[in-house]
Amino acid sequence: MFLPPPLNYLVIVVQAVLLAVSGLFIPKVGAMYVGAVGGLLTALVSPALGPFTFFFAFLFGVFVDAFLYIFKINGSPQGVNRNRLIVAMAFSTLLIAVSSYSAFAIFPQYINGLSFVSLFVQRSQMLDALVLFMGPVSGGVAGYAASYLWNKYLRHINV
């Protein structure tokens, strides 16, 4: 929230943990709900970029729910498979990092008349590498944290 897009998506571990846990509590749509609410609340803080903030927060929830479904990760009283959740979160954060970085730094270069406006971020090889590295690393850390929280404290809670 305090960094300009897409740099704010480099440090999204807390949001990713919340989305993963919500996806475990409410199958198929939990992360989308939390992403939409989080995007709306964050958009209220920065109304100039509100539509982008809401869209990418919701899209992140869609990615999390999709990868939880693809990897067949269900929140159950027996616990969740830590390795599957780590991989699912790594893929979802990689996709949201690349898509938001592309929207703010890469795509404006290819639109006539917008080449001078790259919404706060000038594209560089260092930023490209940082996004491609920190996206999956943040997701892996979030997947580990969410699996630990679920298996240790949250699996016996019924919603």
Protein backbone atom coordinates (compact mmCIF):
# COMPACT_ATOMS: atom_id res chain seq x y z
CA MET A 1 0.00 0.00 0.00
CA PHE A 2 2.89 2.39 0.69
CA LEU A 3 4.92 1.54 -2.41
CA PRO A 4 3.96 2.51 -5.96
CA PRO A 5 2.72 -0.23 -8.27
CA PRO A 6 4.18 -2.66 -9.29
CA LEU A 7 6.81 -2.47 -6.54
CA ASN A 8 4.11 -3.07 -3.94
CA TYR A 9 3.66 -6.54 -5.44
CA LEU A 10 7.24 -7.44 -4.56
CA VAL A 11 6.34 -7.53 -0.87
CA ILE A 12 2.93 -9.19 -0.90
CA VAL A 13 3.62 -12.01 1.52
CA VAL A 14 0.99 -10.86 4.02
CA GLN A 15 -1.70 -10.49 1.36
CA ALA A 16 -0.77 -13.86 -0.13
CA VAL A 17 -1.06 -15.57 3.26
CA LEU A 18 -4.50 -14.05 3.81
CA LEU A 19 -5.64 -15.10 0.35
CA ALA A 20 -4.34 -18.65 0.81
CA VAL A 21 -6.00 -19.07 4.20
CA SER A 22 -9.28 -17.64 2.89
CA GLY A 23 -9.08 -20.03 -0.06
CA LEU A 24 -8.70 -22.90 2.38
CA PHE A 25 -11.66 -21.78 4.50
CA ILE A 26 -14.04 -21.11 1.58
CA PRO A 27 -13.37 -23.45 -1.34
CA LYS A 28 -13.37 -22.12 -4.94
CA VAL A 29 -14.17 -18.46 -4.17
CA GLY A 30 -12.62 -17.56 -0.80
CA ALA A 31 -9.53 -15.84 -2.14
CA MET A 32 -11.59 -13.95 -4.72
CA TYR A 33 -13.83 -12.55 -1.98
CA VAL A 34 -10.88 -11.48 0.15
CA GLY A 35 -9.08 -10.07 -2.90
CA ALA A 36 -12.11 -8.00 -3.85
CA VAL A 37 -12.57 -6.62 -0.33
CA GLY A 38 -8.85 -5.95 0.08
CA GLY A 39 -8.69 -4.29 -3.32
CA LEU A 40 -11.67 -2.10 -2.50
CA LEU A 41 -10.19 -1.01 0.83
CA THR A 42 -6.79 -0.34 -0.71
CA ALA A 43 -8.39 1.57 -3.59
CA LEU A 44 -10.00 3.90 -1.06
CA VAL A 45 -6.53 4.87 0.18
CA SER A 46 -5.23 5.73 -3.29
CA PRO A 47 -8.24 6.70 -5.40
CA ALA A 48 -6.14 7.82 -8.39
CA LEU A 49 -5.05 4.25 -9.05
CA GLY A 50 -8.12 2.69 -7.45
CA PRO A 51 -9.36 0.74 -10.48
CA PHE A 52 -5.93 -0.79 -11.04
CA THR A 53 -5.54 -1.61 -7.36
CA PHE A 54 -8.94 -3.26 -7.17
CA PHE A 55 -8.43 -5.17 -10.43
CA PHE A 56 -5.03 -6.60 -9.47
CA ALA A 57 -6.11 -7.51 -5.93
CA PHE A 58 -9.15 -9.32 -7.31
CA LEU A 59 -7.03 -10.96 -10.04
CA PHE A 60 -4.61 -12.17 -7.38
CA GLY A 61 -7.53 -13.82 -5.58
CA VAL A 62 -8.60 -15.45 -8.85
CA PHE A 63 -5.07 -16.79 -9.39
CA VAL A 64 -4.91 -18.18 -5.84
CA ASP A 65 -8.30 -19.89 -6.13
CA ALA A 66 -7.40 -21.27 -9.55
CA PHE A 67 -4.12 -22.78 -8.37
CA LEU A 68 -5.69 -24.16 -5.20
CA TYR A 69 -8.20 -25.90 -7.48
CA ILE A 70 -5.57 -27.06 -10.00
CA PHE A 71 -3.35 -28.55 -7.30
CA LYS A 72 -6.38 -30.02 -5.48
CA ILE A 73 -5.64 -28.27 -2.19
CA ASN A 74 -8.55 -28.43 0.21
CA GLY A 75 -8.70 -27.10 3.73
CA SER A 76 -9.57 -30.12 5.83
CA PRO A 77 -9.26 -31.08 9.50
CA GLN A 78 -6.48 -33.49 8.47
CA GLY A 79 -4.38 -30.55 7.25
CA VAL A 80 -3.04 -29.43 3.89
CA ASN A 81 -0.09 -30.61 1.86
CA ARG A 82 2.61 -28.01 2.54
CA ASN A 83 4.56 -28.60 -0.68
CA ARG A 84 1.51 -28.29 -2.92
CA LEU A 85 0.44 -25.08 -1.22
CA ILE A 86 3.94 -23.61 -1.56
CA VAL A 87 4.00 -24.39 -5.30
CA ALA A 88 0.45 -23.10 -5.84
CA MET A 89 1.22 -19.82 -4.10
CA ALA A 90 4.53 -19.46 -5.93
CA PHE A 91 2.77 -19.76 -9.29
CA SER A 92 -0.03 -17.37 -8.35
CA THR A 93 2.34 -14.68 -7.04
CA LEU A 94 4.56 -15.06 -10.09
CA LEU A 95 1.56 -14.50 -12.36
CA ILE A 96 0.29 -11.46 -10.47
CA ALA A 97 3.78 -9.96 -10.27
CA VAL A 98 4.38 -10.38 -14.00
CA SER A 99 0.91 -9.16 -14.98
CA SER A 100 1.01 -6.04 -12.79
CA TYR A 101 4.58 -5.25 -13.81
CA SER A 102 3.64 -5.66 -17.46
CA ALA A 103 0.63 -3.39 -17.08
CA PHE A 104 2.61 -0.61 -15.42
CA ALA A 105 6.03 -0.83 -17.06
CA ILE A 106 5.97 -2.83 -20.29
CA PHE A 107 2.62 -2.35 -22.05
CA PRO A 108 2.68 1.49 -22.04
CA GLN A 109 5.85 1.35 -24.15
CA TYR A 110 3.96 -0.35 -26.98
CA ILE A 111 0.95 1.97 -27.09
CA ASN A 112 1.41 5.02 -29.30
CA GLY A 113 1.29 8.22 -27.30
CA LEU A 114 1.87 6.52 -23.97
CA SER A 115 5.53 5.65 -24.35
CA PHE A 116 6.50 8.51 -22.03
CA VAL A 117 4.01 7.41 -19.37
CA SER A 118 4.94 4.17 -17.71
CA LEU A 119 2.98 4.79 -14.52
CA PHE A 120 5.81 5.41 -12.04
CA VAL A 121 8.18 2.66 -13.17
CA GLN A 122 10.71 2.70 -15.98
CA ARG A 123 11.45 -0.77 -17.28
CA SER A 124 14.93 -2.15 -16.64
CA GLN A 125 16.56 -5.55 -16.69
CA MET A 126 17.12 -5.34 -12.95
CA LEU A 127 13.41 -4.80 -12.30
CA ASP A 128 12.55 -7.61 -14.73
CA ALA A 129 14.82 -9.99 -12.81
CA LEU A 130 13.56 -8.76 -9.45
CA VAL A 131 9.93 -9.34 -10.40
CA LEU A 132 10.67 -12.79 -11.82
CA PHE A 133 12.62 -13.76 -8.70
CA MET A 134 10.66 -12.14 -5.88
CA GLY A 135 7.24 -13.19 -7.19
CA PRO A 136 7.73 -16.92 -6.65
CA VAL A 137 9.88 -16.42 -3.54
CA SER A 138 7.17 -14.32 -1.89
CA GLY A 139 4.59 -16.90 -2.87
CA GLY A 140 6.68 -19.77 -1.54
CA VAL A 141 7.10 -18.01 1.79
CA ALA A 142 3.38 -17.24 1.89
CA GLY A 143 2.50 -20.84 1.03
CA TYR A 144 4.72 -22.13 3.81
CA ALA A 145 3.27 -19.65 6.32
CA ALA A 146 -0.32 -20.44 5.30
CA SER A 147 0.25 -24.19 5.52
CA TYR A 148 1.87 -23.80 8.93
CA LEU A 149 -1.00 -21.66 10.20
CA TRP A 150 -3.58 -24.05 8.80
CA ASN A 151 -1.98 -27.25 10.03
CA LYS A 152 -1.10 -25.89 13.48
CA TYR A 153 -3.97 -23.57 14.41
CA LEU A 154 -6.80 -23.22 11.88
CA ARG A 155 -7.73 -26.68 10.65
CA HIS A 156 -10.21 -27.39 13.45
CA ILE A 157 -12.19 -24.17 12.93
CA ASN A 158 -15.49 -24.73 11.11
CA VAL A 159 -16.92 -21.92 9.01
